[in-house]
Amino acid sequence: MNGVVTPYLTLAAILFCIGLYGALSKKSGVIVLLSIELMLNAVNLNLIAFAKLGAQPALTGHIFSLFTITVAAAEAAVGVAILIALYRNRGTGDVEDMNSMKH
């Protein structure tokens, strides 16, 4: 039973590492937001894989995954709003210029 979940966990680990690299190394705010979304999708993949692991598959992993998708949508909306405000104030989408919103 453990071998069934291993490819999903490997894929999720690879996706999470790619997202972590993008979130920590890129300067563009849009790329950082996309990287965070990629990490959240890796978490969703883990939740679904572990929900499938049990002898009696439960819906708890699916429900937690739906909550994660909801949080990701809210995070994307707030993040894009902050990036738009940064671009209007500073004329750039660079996250290194985000130390304060005052100009």
Protein backbone atom coordinates (compact mmCIF):
# COMPACT_ATOMS: atom_id res chain seq x y z
CA MET A 1 0.00 0.00 0.00
CA ASN A 2 2.92 2.34 0.68
CA GLY A 3 4.22 2.02 -2.89
CA VAL A 4 0.97 3.44 -4.25
CA VAL A 5 1.47 6.81 -2.56
CA THR A 6 5.22 7.18 -3.13
CA PRO A 7 5.02 8.65 -6.68
CA TYR A 8 2.51 11.26 -5.52
CA LEU A 9 4.68 12.25 -2.57
CA THR A 10 7.76 12.44 -4.80
CA LEU A 11 5.94 14.68 -7.27
CA ALA A 12 4.64 16.86 -4.43
CA ALA A 13 8.15 17.20 -2.98
CA ILE A 14 9.54 18.22 -6.38
CA LEU A 15 6.74 20.77 -6.89
CA PHE A 16 7.25 22.17 -3.40
CA CYS A 17 11.01 22.54 -3.92
CA ILE A 18 10.47 24.31 -7.25
CA GLY A 19 7.97 26.65 -5.59
CA LEU A 20 10.28 27.31 -2.66
CA TYR A 21 13.16 28.13 -4.99
CA GLY A 22 10.96 30.53 -6.97
CA ALA A 23 9.59 32.23 -3.86
CA LEU A 24 13.03 32.79 -2.32
CA SER A 25 15.10 33.68 -5.36
CA LYS A 26 12.95 35.69 -7.77
CA LYS A 27 12.45 39.44 -7.67
CA SER A 28 9.16 39.70 -9.54
CA GLY A 29 6.11 39.78 -7.30
CA VAL A 30 4.03 37.84 -9.80
CA ILE A 31 6.58 35.01 -9.92
CA VAL A 32 6.68 34.92 -6.11
CA LEU A 33 2.88 34.62 -5.98
CA LEU A 34 2.92 31.86 -8.60
CA SER A 35 5.59 30.03 -6.61
CA ILE A 36 3.48 30.21 -3.45
CA GLU A 37 0.54 28.82 -5.41
CA LEU A 38 2.76 25.98 -6.62
CA MET A 39 3.72 25.16 -3.02
CA LEU A 40 0.07 25.17 -1.96
CA ASN A 41 -0.78 22.81 -4.81
CA ALA A 42 1.98 20.47 -3.64
CA VAL A 43 0.35 20.47 -0.21
CA ASN A 44 -3.01 19.69 -1.83
CA LEU A 45 -1.43 16.75 -3.66
CA ASN A 46 -0.09 15.43 -0.34
CA LEU A 47 -3.49 15.80 1.32
CA ILE A 48 -5.22 13.85 -1.45
CA ALA A 49 -2.49 11.17 -1.49
CA PHE A 50 -2.71 10.61 2.26
CA ALA A 51 -6.51 10.53 2.10
CA LYS A 52 -6.21 7.73 -0.45
CA LEU A 53 -3.67 5.83 1.69
CA GLY A 54 -6.05 4.51 4.35
CA ALA A 55 -7.86 1.19 4.12
CA GLN A 56 -11.14 3.06 4.12
CA PRO A 57 -10.62 6.24 2.06
CA ALA A 58 -12.06 9.24 3.86
CA LEU A 59 -13.07 12.64 2.57
CA THR A 60 -11.05 14.58 5.15
CA GLY A 61 -8.10 15.08 2.80
CA HIS A 62 -10.44 16.33 0.09
CA ILE A 63 -12.16 18.74 2.46
CA PHE A 64 -8.84 20.12 3.75
CA SER A 65 -7.73 20.45 0.14
CA LEU A 66 -10.83 22.54 -0.65
CA PHE A 67 -10.02 24.80 2.32
CA THR A 68 -6.47 25.17 1.02
CA ILE A 69 -7.75 26.11 -2.43
CA THR A 70 -10.00 28.75 -0.82
CA VAL A 71 -7.10 30.20 1.15
CA ALA A 72 -4.94 30.19 -2.01
CA ALA A 73 -7.59 32.14 -3.92
CA ALA A 74 -7.82 34.73 -1.15
CA GLU A 75 -4.02 34.95 -0.96
CA ALA A 76 -3.79 35.49 -4.70
CA ALA A 77 -6.41 38.25 -4.63
CA VAL A 78 -4.73 40.11 -1.75
CA GLY A 79 -1.27 39.57 -3.25
CA VAL A 80 -2.28 40.95 -6.64
CA ALA A 81 -3.93 43.95 -4.95
CA ILE A 82 -0.71 44.66 -3.05
CA LEU A 83 1.33 44.31 -6.24
CA ILE A 84 -0.97 46.73 -8.07
CA ALA A 85 -0.62 49.24 -5.22
CA LEU A 86 3.16 48.80 -5.32
CA TYR A 87 3.24 49.32 -9.07
CA ARG A 88 1.09 52.45 -8.84
CA ASN A 89 3.26 53.96 -6.10
CA ARG A 90 6.72 52.92 -7.29
CA GLY A 91 6.30 52.03 -10.96
CA THR A 92 7.83 48.58 -10.45
CA GLY A 93 6.73 45.09 -9.45
CA ASP A 94 10.04 44.28 -7.77
CA VAL A 95 9.54 42.79 -4.32
CA GLU A 96 12.81 44.31 -3.06
CA ASP A 97 11.16 47.74 -3.33
CA MET A 98 8.40 46.61 -1.01
CA ASN A 99 10.04 47.60 2.28
CA SER A 100 7.44 50.32 2.84
CA MET A 101 4.43 51.67 1.01
CA LYS A 102 5.44 55.28 1.70
CA HIS A 103 7.17 57.14 -1.05
